Amino acid sequence: MPEAVRFSRYGGPEVLELAEVPRPRAGRGQIVVAVVAAALNPGETGIREGVFAGIWPAHFPEGQGNDFAGRVAETGEGVEGFAVGDEVLGFAPRAAQAEFVVVGPDVLAPRPAALGWAEAASIAGAGATAWAGVRAVDPRPGETVVVSAAAGGVGVIAAQLAKLRGATVIGTASEGNFAFLHGLGISPVTYGPGLAERLRAAAPQGVDAYLDTFGGGNVDVAIELDVRPGRINTIADEPAIWAALAESAATGEFTIPIDRVYPVAQVRDAYRDPATRHVRGKRVPAFEPLSTVEGETR
């Protein structure tokens, strides 16, 4: 039988299990996708730990993961635009970390052949969140934009998208990620106490927009820097956005860094590792072997 990541009680990564589940079938208007890779997002940890139980309670046994990439395995009656064998990326709330997911065509987008599986699996959540945040603060050529947690899964895409608009981008990060951000054309500063002073030194002409992908007082820092409220955004999911982002990433306009790809049997480790060190890019459990040399995942 197919396997899926499940948990039957709130807790840390130790509650995650690979369970055998029935293979889903496509009903009318539905598509079954054989998942190749499914990316991690921070909010999934909060749901599994019960932090958000008041608003997003788990229904045990609960699935894990939202963003995925894979191949169409079956289409139901009435489905148009997708056929068996098509390579796709998409969104399946609390269900993506499974060998098969059943979704509607409205939450799928084509996977460009030049885009790796792990990168494609990172588009729907992190990519769309970054796109929406950048759109909200509306960077313009010559302006200075601050992106918090600029080496993280959302921040690193947002910083590059802002740079593509012609802005000078300053990114907060740990010192261990400074060289990485320099390589992307992003000016790094350390986060923590004294951040406002460091940002003033890095941008003596002032900061025009502030995109917070982390929390932890960044909005207060933006206000202290006199950034207009309308140009402060703290964290538009739709397939048209995913498709556009996937094409841009496939052509090299921006990079989707993959911190590490894990065999799905090591999913507990995938969730443990980000809790013990600073993550650079996305963590991606995979149902098929993928090359992971320096993030090259095809």
Protein backbone atom coordinates (compact mmCIF):
# COMPACT_ATOMS: atom_id res chain seq x y z
CA MET A 1 0.00 0.00 0.00
CA PRO A 2 1.11 3.60 -0.50
CA GLU A 3 2.65 5.42 2.45
CA ALA A 4 1.98 8.85 3.93
CA VAL A 5 3.41 10.87 6.81
CA ARG A 6 0.90 10.94 9.69
CA PHE A 7 0.73 11.92 13.37
CA SER A 8 -1.88 10.79 15.91
CA ARG A 9 -1.10 13.18 18.77
CA TYR A 10 0.39 16.62 19.20
CA GLY A 11 4.13 16.78 19.73
CA GLY A 12 7.58 17.16 18.20
CA PRO A 13 9.02 15.34 15.18
CA GLU A 14 8.98 12.09 17.17
CA VAL A 15 5.19 11.80 16.68
CA LEU A 16 5.57 11.58 12.88
CA GLU A 17 5.17 8.14 11.34
CA LEU A 18 5.09 6.63 7.87
CA ALA A 19 1.73 4.89 7.68
CA GLU A 20 0.21 2.70 5.01
CA VAL A 21 -2.89 4.33 3.53
CA PRO A 22 -5.35 3.41 0.77
CA ARG A 23 -4.46 4.74 -2.66
CA PRO A 24 -6.79 7.66 -3.39
CA ARG A 25 -8.94 7.61 -6.51
CA ALA A 26 -9.93 10.57 -8.61
CA GLY A 27 -13.57 11.54 -8.42
CA ARG A 28 -15.27 13.90 -10.80
CA GLY A 29 -13.18 17.03 -11.24
CA GLN A 30 -10.27 15.59 -9.26
CA ILE A 31 -6.67 14.65 -10.03
CA VAL A 32 -4.44 12.10 -8.29
CA VAL A 33 -0.77 13.10 -8.24
CA ALA A 34 2.13 10.74 -7.47
CA VAL A 35 4.29 12.92 -5.25
CA VAL A 36 8.02 13.14 -5.93
CA ALA A 37 8.92 15.79 -3.34
CA ALA A 38 7.13 17.84 -0.68
CA ALA A 39 8.68 20.91 0.95
CA LEU A 40 8.57 21.87 4.64
CA ASN A 41 7.06 25.11 5.94
CA PRO A 42 7.41 26.54 9.48
CA GLY A 43 3.66 26.71 10.11
CA GLU A 44 3.38 22.93 9.80
CA THR A 45 5.43 22.53 12.96
CA GLY A 46 3.06 24.78 14.92
CA ILE A 47 0.06 22.78 13.76
CA ARG A 48 1.70 19.47 14.69
CA GLU A 49 2.76 20.79 18.11
CA GLY A 50 -0.75 22.07 18.85
CA VAL A 51 0.27 25.74 18.95
CA PHE A 52 -2.57 26.62 16.58
CA ALA A 53 -5.07 24.08 17.91
CA GLY A 54 -7.56 26.82 18.71
CA ILE A 55 -7.85 27.91 15.07
CA TRP A 56 -6.44 24.97 13.07
CA PRO A 57 -7.09 21.85 15.15
CA ALA A 58 -5.67 18.55 13.99
CA HIS A 59 -8.04 15.72 13.08
CA PHE A 60 -6.16 12.58 14.06
CA PRO A 61 -4.63 10.79 12.35
CA GLU A 62 -3.49 13.99 10.66
CA GLY A 63 -1.38 14.41 7.54
CA GLN A 64 1.65 16.66 7.18
CA GLY A 65 2.87 19.09 4.55
CA ASN A 66 1.23 21.44 2.06
CA ASP A 67 3.51 22.00 -0.95
CA PHE A 68 4.49 19.29 -3.41
CA ALA A 69 5.65 18.41 -6.89
CA GLY A 70 4.91 15.20 -8.77
CA ARG A 71 3.33 13.48 -11.76
CA VAL A 72 -0.35 13.20 -12.63
CA ALA A 73 -1.33 9.57 -12.00
CA GLU A 74 -5.08 9.72 -12.65
CA THR A 75 -7.68 12.25 -13.78
CA GLY A 76 -11.35 12.19 -12.94
CA GLU A 77 -14.30 12.84 -15.19
CA GLY A 78 -14.53 16.42 -16.38
CA VAL A 79 -10.89 17.36 -15.75
CA GLU A 80 -9.37 19.57 -18.44
CA GLY A 81 -5.88 20.99 -18.83
CA PHE A 82 -4.01 18.07 -17.25
CA ALA A 83 -3.30 14.51 -18.40
CA VAL A 84 -1.71 11.40 -16.91
CA GLY A 85 2.06 11.81 -16.90
CA ASP A 86 2.07 15.60 -16.67
CA GLU A 87 4.66 16.96 -14.25
CA VAL A 88 3.09 19.44 -11.85
CA LEU A 89 3.52 21.41 -8.64
CA GLY A 90 0.75 22.24 -6.23
CA PHE A 91 -0.81 22.61 -2.83
CA ALA A 92 -2.51 19.95 -0.68
CA PRO A 93 -3.11 21.23 2.87
CA ARG A 94 -1.92 18.76 5.52
CA ALA A 95 -1.62 16.03 2.91
CA ALA A 96 1.39 16.73 0.68
CA GLN A 97 3.83 14.34 2.36
CA ALA A 98 2.27 11.24 0.86
CA GLU A 99 2.97 8.99 -2.10
CA PHE A 100 -0.32 10.08 -3.64
CA VAL A 101 -2.50 13.16 -3.13
CA VAL A 102 -5.91 13.93 -4.60
CA VAL A 103 -6.53 17.57 -5.51
CA GLY A 104 -8.47 19.75 -7.90
CA PRO A 105 -6.93 21.24 -11.04
CA ASP A 106 -7.28 24.70 -9.48
CA VAL A 107 -4.37 24.00 -7.10
CA LEU A 108 -1.93 22.71 -9.72
CA ALA A 109 0.52 24.37 -12.09
CA PRO A 110 2.88 22.84 -14.67
CA ARG A 111 6.43 22.02 -13.59
CA PRO A 112 8.96 23.39 -16.11
CA ALA A 113 11.35 20.67 -17.26
CA ALA A 114 14.37 22.80 -16.31
CA LEU A 115 13.20 23.22 -12.71
CA GLY A 116 14.34 20.60 -10.18
CA TRP A 117 11.81 18.58 -8.22
CA ALA A 118 12.81 20.01 -4.85
CA GLU A 119 12.69 23.55 -6.18
CA ALA A 120 9.30 22.94 -7.77
CA ALA A 121 7.98 21.57 -4.48
CA SER A 122 9.00 24.85 -2.81
CA ILE A 123 7.02 27.16 -5.11
CA ALA A 124 3.41 27.03 -3.92
CA GLY A 125 3.97 28.11 -0.31
CA ALA A 126 7.27 29.97 -0.04
CA GLY A 127 7.25 31.31 -3.59
CA ALA A 128 3.71 32.62 -3.54
CA THR A 129 4.16 34.12 -0.06
CA ALA A 130 7.31 35.90 -1.20
CA TRP A 131 5.62 37.12 -4.39
CA ALA A 132 2.64 38.49 -2.47
CA GLY A 133 4.86 40.22 0.08
CA VAL A 134 7.02 41.88 -2.55
CA ARG A 135 3.95 42.96 -4.48
CA ALA A 136 2.52 44.49 -1.30
CA VAL A 137 5.56 46.67 -0.55
CA ASP A 138 6.02 47.48 -4.26
CA PRO A 139 9.81 47.98 -4.58
CA ARG A 140 10.89 50.43 -7.28
CA PRO A 141 14.19 50.96 -9.09
CA GLY A 142 16.68 52.78 -6.91
CA GLU A 143 14.80 52.20 -3.66
CA THR A 144 16.15 50.39 -0.61
CA VAL A 145 14.21 47.40 0.71
CA VAL A 146 14.86 45.40 3.88
CA VAL A 147 13.91 41.71 3.93
CA SER A 148 14.05 39.94 7.28
CA ALA A 149 15.32 36.34 7.46
CA ALA A 150 16.66 36.80 3.95
CA ALA A 151 18.38 33.40 3.85
CA GLY A 152 15.20 31.50 4.78
CA GLY A 153 12.83 29.71 2.44
CA VAL A 154 10.51 32.70 1.90
CA GLY A 155 13.00 35.50 2.52
CA VAL A 156 15.57 34.35 -0.02
CA ILE A 157 12.97 34.35 -2.80
CA ALA A 158 11.47 37.67 -1.68
CA ALA A 159 14.89 39.32 -1.61
CA GLN A 160 15.66 38.18 -5.15
CA LEU A 161 12.24 39.26 -6.44
CA ALA A 162 12.75 42.72 -4.93
CA LYS A 163 16.19 42.89 -6.55
CA LEU A 164 14.68 41.95 -9.92
CA ARG A 165 12.52 45.07 -9.59
CA GLY A 166 15.65 47.21 -9.43
CA ALA A 167 15.76 47.78 -5.68
CA THR A 168 18.80 47.65 -3.42
CA VAL A 169 18.11 44.84 -0.97
CA ILE A 170 19.38 44.55 2.59
CA GLY A 171 18.71 41.20 4.26
CA THR A 172 18.85 40.26 7.92
CA ALA A 173 20.60 36.96 8.58
CA SER A 174 23.08 35.16 10.80
CA GLU A 175 26.73 35.80 10.02
CA GLY A 176 27.06 32.26 8.73
CA ASN A 177 24.80 33.20 5.81
CA PHE A 178 26.53 36.47 4.87
CA ALA A 179 28.63 34.99 2.03
CA PHE A 180 25.57 33.20 0.68
CA LEU A 181 23.58 36.47 0.53
CA HIS A 182 26.50 38.41 -0.94
CA GLY A 183 26.55 35.85 -3.73
CA LEU A 184 22.94 36.74 -4.54
CA GLY A 185 23.66 40.47 -4.58
CA ILE A 186 21.98 41.07 -1.22
CA SER A 187 23.65 43.17 1.50
CA PRO A 188 23.46 41.27 4.82
CA VAL A 189 23.16 42.64 8.35
CA THR A 190 22.87 40.66 11.56
CA TYR A 191 19.51 40.54 13.30
CA GLY A 192 18.95 40.97 17.03
CA PRO A 193 19.33 43.92 19.42
CA GLY A 194 20.55 47.07 17.70
CA LEU A 195 19.09 46.10 14.32
CA ALA A 196 17.66 49.56 13.62
CA GLU A 197 21.07 51.17 14.15
CA ARG A 198 22.77 48.66 11.87
CA LEU A 199 20.17 49.23 9.17
CA ARG A 200 20.64 53.00 9.40
CA ALA A 201 24.37 52.49 8.91
CA ALA A 202 23.76 50.18 5.94
CA ALA A 203 21.21 52.54 4.37
CA PRO A 204 22.11 56.12 5.38
CA GLN A 205 19.74 57.43 2.72
CA GLY A 206 16.85 55.65 4.45
CA VAL A 207 14.75 52.53 3.96
CA ASP A 208 11.82 52.75 1.54
CA ALA A 209 10.11 49.39 2.17
CA TYR A 210 10.33 46.59 4.74
CA LEU A 211 9.25 43.00 4.13
CA ASP A 212 9.14 40.91 7.30
CA THR A 213 9.22 37.16 6.73
CA PHE A 214 10.13 36.27 10.31
CA GLY A 215 8.35 38.33 12.98
CA GLY A 216 10.17 38.97 16.23
CA GLY A 217 9.79 42.74 16.32
CA ASN A 218 10.65 43.54 12.71
CA VAL A 219 7.55 45.67 12.24
CA ASP A 220 8.63 47.79 15.22
CA VAL A 221 12.05 48.20 13.62
CA ALA A 222 10.45 49.29 10.34
CA ILE A 223 8.38 51.90 12.18
CA GLU A 224 11.48 53.10 14.01
CA LEU A 225 13.15 53.58 10.61
CA ASP A 226 10.20 55.76 9.50
CA VAL A 227 9.08 53.36 6.78
CA ARG A 228 5.58 54.34 5.70
CA PRO A 229 2.96 51.88 7.07
CA GLY A 230 1.70 51.13 3.56
CA ARG A 231 5.14 49.82 2.62
CA ILE A 232 5.58 47.48 5.57
CA ASN A 233 4.40 43.92 5.03
CA THR A 234 4.54 40.98 7.36
CA ILE A 235 3.67 37.77 6.24
CA ALA A 236 -2.04 34.99 -2.90
CA ASP A 237 -1.79 31.59 -3.42
CA GLU A 238 -2.97 30.83 -6.92
CA PRO A 239 -1.65 28.56 -9.68
CA ALA A 240 -1.09 31.42 -12.14
CA ILE A 241 1.42 32.91 -9.70
CA TRP A 242 3.04 29.51 -9.10
CA ALA A 243 3.41 28.93 -12.84
CA ALA A 244 4.99 32.36 -13.39
CA LEU A 245 7.40 31.84 -10.50
CA ALA A 246 8.30 28.35 -11.70
CA GLU A 247 9.11 29.64 -15.19
CA SER A 248 11.23 32.46 -13.75
CA ALA A 249 13.15 30.03 -11.55
CA ALA A 250 13.59 27.57 -14.42
CA THR A 251 15.15 30.27 -16.61
CA GLY A 252 17.51 31.35 -13.84
CA GLU A 253 15.98 34.73 -13.04
CA PHE A 254 16.13 33.79 -9.38
CA THR A 255 17.30 30.85 -7.29
CA ILE A 256 15.36 28.58 -4.96
CA PRO A 257 18.04 27.35 -2.55
CA ILE A 258 17.49 23.83 -1.26
CA ASP A 259 19.07 23.32 2.15
CA ARG A 260 18.71 19.55 2.03
CA VAL A 261 16.64 16.77 0.47
CA TYR A 262 15.66 13.89 2.79
CA PRO A 263 14.32 10.45 1.96
CA VAL A 264 10.77 10.50 3.29
CA ALA A 265 11.71 7.82 5.82
CA GLN A 266 13.88 10.51 7.48
CA VAL A 267 11.06 13.05 7.74
CA ARG A 268 11.57 13.37 11.50
CA ASP A 269 15.13 14.54 10.90
CA ALA A 270 13.90 17.04 8.32
CA TYR A 271 11.78 18.72 10.97
CA ARG A 272 14.37 18.37 13.75
CA ASP A 273 17.27 19.98 11.89
CA PRO A 274 15.72 23.44 11.34
CA ALA A 275 15.05 23.59 15.08
CA THR A 276 18.73 23.16 15.91
CA ARG A 277 20.45 25.41 13.37
CA HIS A 278 19.82 28.27 10.98
CA VAL A 279 18.34 27.00 7.73
CA ARG A 280 19.47 28.24 4.32
CA GLY A 281 16.63 27.68 1.89
CA LYS A 282 14.12 24.82 1.94
CA ARG A 283 14.05 21.35 3.49
CA VAL A 284 12.38 18.80 1.20
CA PRO A 285 11.36 15.20 1.97
CA ALA A 286 11.34 13.16 -1.24
CA PHE A 287 9.60 9.96 -2.31
CA GLU A 288 12.14 9.37 -5.09
CA PRO A 289 15.96 9.58 -4.99
CA LEU A 290 17.10 13.07 -5.94
CA SER A 291 20.60 14.44 -6.47
CA THR A 292 21.41 16.86 -3.64
CA VAL A 293 24.86 18.13 -4.58
CA GLU A 294 24.87 21.86 -3.75
CA GLY A 295 21.13 22.00 -4.15
CA GLU A 296 21.13 20.56 -7.67
CA THR A 297 17.93 18.53 -7.52
CA ARG A 298 16.66 17.12 -10.79
